[in-house]
Protein backbone atom coordinates (compact mmCIF):
# COMPACT_ATOMS: atom_id res chain seq x y z
CA MET A 1 131.81 -24.24 186.30
CA ASN A 2 130.46 -21.15 187.60
CA ALA A 3 132.34 -17.85 186.96
CA ARG A 4 134.38 -16.49 190.11
CA PRO A 5 131.76 -13.86 191.79
CA ARG A 6 133.07 -10.25 190.85
CA HIS A 7 133.59 -7.29 193.59
CA LEU A 8 133.38 -3.47 192.86
CA LEU A 9 134.74 -1.75 195.56
CA VAL A 10 134.12 2.33 195.91
CA MET A 11 136.27 4.30 198.32
CA ALA A 12 134.51 6.63 199.80
CA LYS A 13 133.85 8.89 202.84
CA GLN A 14 130.88 9.95 205.21
CA PRO A 15 129.67 13.37 203.37
CA ARG A 16 130.27 15.77 205.98
CA ILE A 17 131.27 19.29 205.75
CA GLY A 18 134.93 19.46 206.14
CA ARG A 19 135.65 16.12 205.91
CA VAL A 20 135.29 15.55 202.12
CA LYS A 21 137.21 17.16 199.33
CA THR A 22 139.22 19.58 201.71
CA ARG A 23 141.28 19.99 198.71
CA LEU A 24 138.50 21.29 196.36
CA GLY A 25 137.04 23.13 199.20
CA ALA A 26 140.28 25.46 199.37
CA GLY A 27 139.27 26.76 196.18
CA ILE A 28 135.34 26.75 196.22
CA GLY A 29 134.62 26.65 199.72
CA ALA A 30 133.56 23.52 202.13
CA MET A 31 129.98 23.75 201.67
CA GLU A 32 129.73 23.15 198.06
CA ALA A 33 132.90 20.84 198.09
CA THR A 34 130.54 18.67 200.12
CA ARG A 35 127.53 19.18 197.83
CA ALA A 36 129.45 18.42 195.02
CA TYR A 37 131.21 15.16 196.97
CA ARG A 38 127.64 14.32 198.08
CA VAL A 39 126.49 14.64 193.84
CA MET A 40 129.31 12.78 192.42
CA LEU A 41 129.35 9.90 195.66
CA ALA A 42 125.11 9.39 194.45
CA GLU A 43 125.53 9.32 190.50
CA THR A 44 128.67 6.80 190.68
CA LEU A 45 126.56 4.23 193.04
CA ASN A 46 123.37 4.99 191.29
CA THR A 47 125.23 4.18 187.83
CA LEU A 48 127.30 1.30 189.13
CA SER A 49 125.61 -0.44 191.81
CA ARG A 50 122.58 -1.77 189.76
CA ASP A 51 124.53 -3.45 187.65
CA PRO A 52 124.05 -7.39 188.19
CA ARG A 53 127.76 -8.19 186.60
CA TRP A 54 128.82 -7.49 189.84
CA GLN A 55 128.65 -7.10 193.68
CA THR A 56 128.89 -3.37 194.80
CA TRP A 57 130.92 -2.54 198.10
CA VAL A 58 131.52 0.78 200.18
CA ALA A 59 134.09 1.10 201.66
CA VAL A 60 133.58 3.91 204.58
CA SER A 61 135.98 5.19 207.54
CA GLY A 62 134.18 4.52 210.75
CA VAL A 63 131.30 2.39 209.68
CA HIS A 64 130.20 2.50 213.00
CA GLU A 65 129.12 6.10 212.29
CA LEU A 66 127.38 5.50 209.44
CA ASN A 67 124.31 7.23 208.51
CA ALA A 68 122.39 4.09 206.53
CA ASN A 69 120.36 6.85 204.71
CA VAL A 70 123.37 8.03 202.50
CA TRP A 71 123.61 4.37 201.26
CA PRO A 72 121.75 2.77 198.33
CA ASN A 73 120.45 -0.27 199.98
CA ASN A 74 122.19 -2.67 197.06
CA VAL A 75 125.16 -1.89 198.04
CA HIS A 76 127.17 -3.80 201.08
CA LEU A 77 129.18 -1.40 203.53
CA VAL A 78 132.41 -2.29 204.85
CA ASP A 79 135.18 -0.45 206.92
CA GLN A 80 138.20 1.14 205.97
CA GLY A 81 139.98 0.72 208.49
CA THR A 82 143.55 2.68 209.29
CA GLY A 83 146.44 3.64 207.73
CA ASP A 84 147.13 5.49 204.46
CA LEU A 85 145.25 4.81 201.18
CA GLY A 86 147.46 2.02 200.19
CA ASP A 87 147.05 0.40 203.73
CA ARG A 88 143.30 0.61 203.53
CA MET A 89 142.90 -0.35 199.80
CA GLN A 90 145.55 -3.49 200.51
CA ARG A 91 142.83 -4.36 203.44
CA MET A 92 140.18 -4.49 200.93
CA PHE A 93 142.38 -7.00 198.27
CA ASP A 94 143.31 -9.17 201.68
CA THR A 95 139.73 -9.57 202.89
CA LEU A 96 136.63 -9.50 200.15
CA PRO A 97 135.15 -12.94 199.56
CA ILE A 98 137.11 -14.98 196.60
CA GLY A 99 136.82 -13.18 193.29
CA PRO A 100 138.57 -10.34 191.12
CA VAL A 101 138.61 -6.78 192.87
CA VAL A 102 137.91 -3.93 191.42
CA ILE A 103 138.72 -0.28 193.48
CA ILE A 104 137.68 3.11 192.88
CA GLY A 105 137.03 6.63 193.94
CA SER A 106 133.68 8.32 194.58
CA ASP A 107 134.78 11.71 192.30
CA ILE A 108 135.24 10.13 189.07
CA PRO A 109 132.02 11.88 187.08
CA HIS A 110 132.68 10.31 183.59
CA ILE A 111 132.97 6.67 184.76
CA ALA A 112 130.71 4.13 183.01
CA PRO A 113 129.79 0.42 183.75
CA ALA A 114 131.60 -0.32 180.40
CA ASP A 115 134.66 0.94 182.60
CA ILE A 116 134.12 -1.67 184.97
CA ALA A 117 133.47 -4.18 182.74
CA ASP A 118 136.15 -3.55 180.96
CA ALA A 119 138.24 -4.24 183.82
CA PHE A 120 136.87 -7.51 185.12
CA ARG A 121 137.36 -8.64 181.45
CA LEU A 122 141.17 -7.80 181.52
CA LEU A 123 141.22 -9.43 185.15
CA GLY A 124 140.06 -12.40 183.11
CA ARG A 125 143.86 -12.85 181.68
CA HIS A 126 145.81 -10.53 184.08
CA ASP A 127 146.73 -9.99 187.16
CA ALA A 128 146.25 -6.33 187.51
CA VAL A 129 144.44 -3.83 185.98
CA PHE A 130 144.58 0.10 186.50
CA GLY A 131 142.85 3.11 185.09
CA PRO A 132 145.19 5.83 184.85
CA ALA A 133 144.99 9.57 185.69
CA PRO A 134 146.01 12.71 184.01
CA ASP A 135 148.15 14.21 187.21
CA GLY A 136 150.04 10.90 187.43
CA GLY A 137 147.61 8.44 189.68
CA TYR A 138 144.94 6.53 188.92
CA TRP A 139 141.41 6.43 189.12
CA LEU A 140 141.19 2.50 189.18
CA VAL A 141 143.32 -0.43 190.77
CA GLY A 142 141.94 -3.97 190.16
CA GLN A 143 143.33 -7.87 190.93
CA SER A 144 142.04 -10.99 189.90
CA ARG A 145 143.59 -12.87 193.16
CA ARG A 146 143.41 -15.95 191.33
CA ARG A 147 147.01 -17.18 192.10
CA THR A 148 147.55 -14.50 195.04
CA VAL A 149 146.80 -11.34 196.22
CA LEU A 150 149.83 -8.81 195.23
CA LYS A 151 150.80 -6.40 197.79
CA LEU A 152 150.87 -3.06 195.56
CA PHE A 153 150.84 -0.41 197.44
CA ASP A 154 154.54 -0.06 199.08
CA ASN A 155 156.73 2.75 199.17
CA VAL A 156 153.99 4.79 196.96
CA ARG A 157 154.00 8.83 196.84
CA TRP A 158 150.55 9.47 197.22
CA SER A 159 148.94 12.74 195.78
CA SER A 160 151.90 13.01 193.58
CA GLU A 161 152.70 12.53 189.59
CA HIS A 162 154.69 9.36 191.12
CA ALA A 163 151.66 7.26 192.37
CA LEU A 164 150.95 5.29 189.37
CA SER A 165 154.67 4.33 188.15
CA ASP A 166 155.33 3.80 192.44
CA THR A 167 153.01 1.15 192.29
CA MET A 168 153.53 -0.30 189.15
CA ALA A 169 156.80 -1.07 190.28
CA ASN A 170 155.44 -3.13 193.02
CA LEU A 171 153.89 -5.76 190.41
CA ASP A 172 157.44 -7.56 190.44
CA GLY A 173 156.34 -8.98 187.06
CA ALA A 174 152.92 -9.53 186.82
CA PRO A 175 150.88 -8.64 184.08
CA ALA A 176 148.93 -5.82 184.63
CA LYS A 177 147.15 -3.84 181.81
CA LEU A 178 145.77 -0.08 181.62
CA LEU A 179 142.33 1.35 180.86
CA ARG A 180 141.26 4.48 179.20
CA GLN A 181 142.70 7.68 181.32
CA LEU A 182 139.73 9.58 183.49
CA ALA A 183 140.06 12.44 185.50
CA ASP A 184 138.82 13.18 189.12
CA VAL A 185 137.22 16.06 190.56
CA ASP A 186 139.75 17.65 192.91
CA ASP A 187 140.43 21.41 192.53
CA ALA A 188 138.03 24.16 191.36
CA ALA A 189 139.56 23.98 187.70
CA SER A 190 138.48 20.41 187.44
CA TYR A 191 135.72 21.32 189.37
CA ARG A 192 134.31 23.99 186.76
CA ALA A 193 135.28 21.44 184.18
CA TRP A 194 132.58 18.88 185.74
CA LEU A 195 129.82 21.37 185.97
CA ARG A 196 130.63 22.57 181.89
CA GLY A 197 130.01 18.91 181.17
CA GLU A 198 133.79 18.58 180.24
């Protein structure tokens, strides 16, 4: 019996000045924040999209506005649609083709193919997987979608220290596992740490 296809989905934005990394931009300037976002997005896609163990998707707001030159040829583009982050991620879990789905952001510099492989491995025995972040959020969320698609994002306090715990409260007993902790680049301090290679 053939294994179900695996789907890695990267949540991204068109890398335009003033539309990406606005919190980071407040600390280092909008131009530098946009440059940093472009670099992180390119590194993420170049590192992960070449791996044959999964199909890579990029979910972008306003897919009809896309500049095709920004994205590698080996990724599939899909529109995030409307709503808050939870609405948009739930839409991806609900609509992507059959198989487990892992969703990540585009600003996690230390993410590696081994992290994604671990997530899919854990989804072989669990309904959900999370990659915790130091600030109480998470850099990865995945679902096996074997029996059903879980509704994970009701009443989540986004951009707070409660985001992961609120999301896990929606599991309603479904088995889940945690990956290693990783940080995203969201402010001037994390940006400087990234530049130092930390």
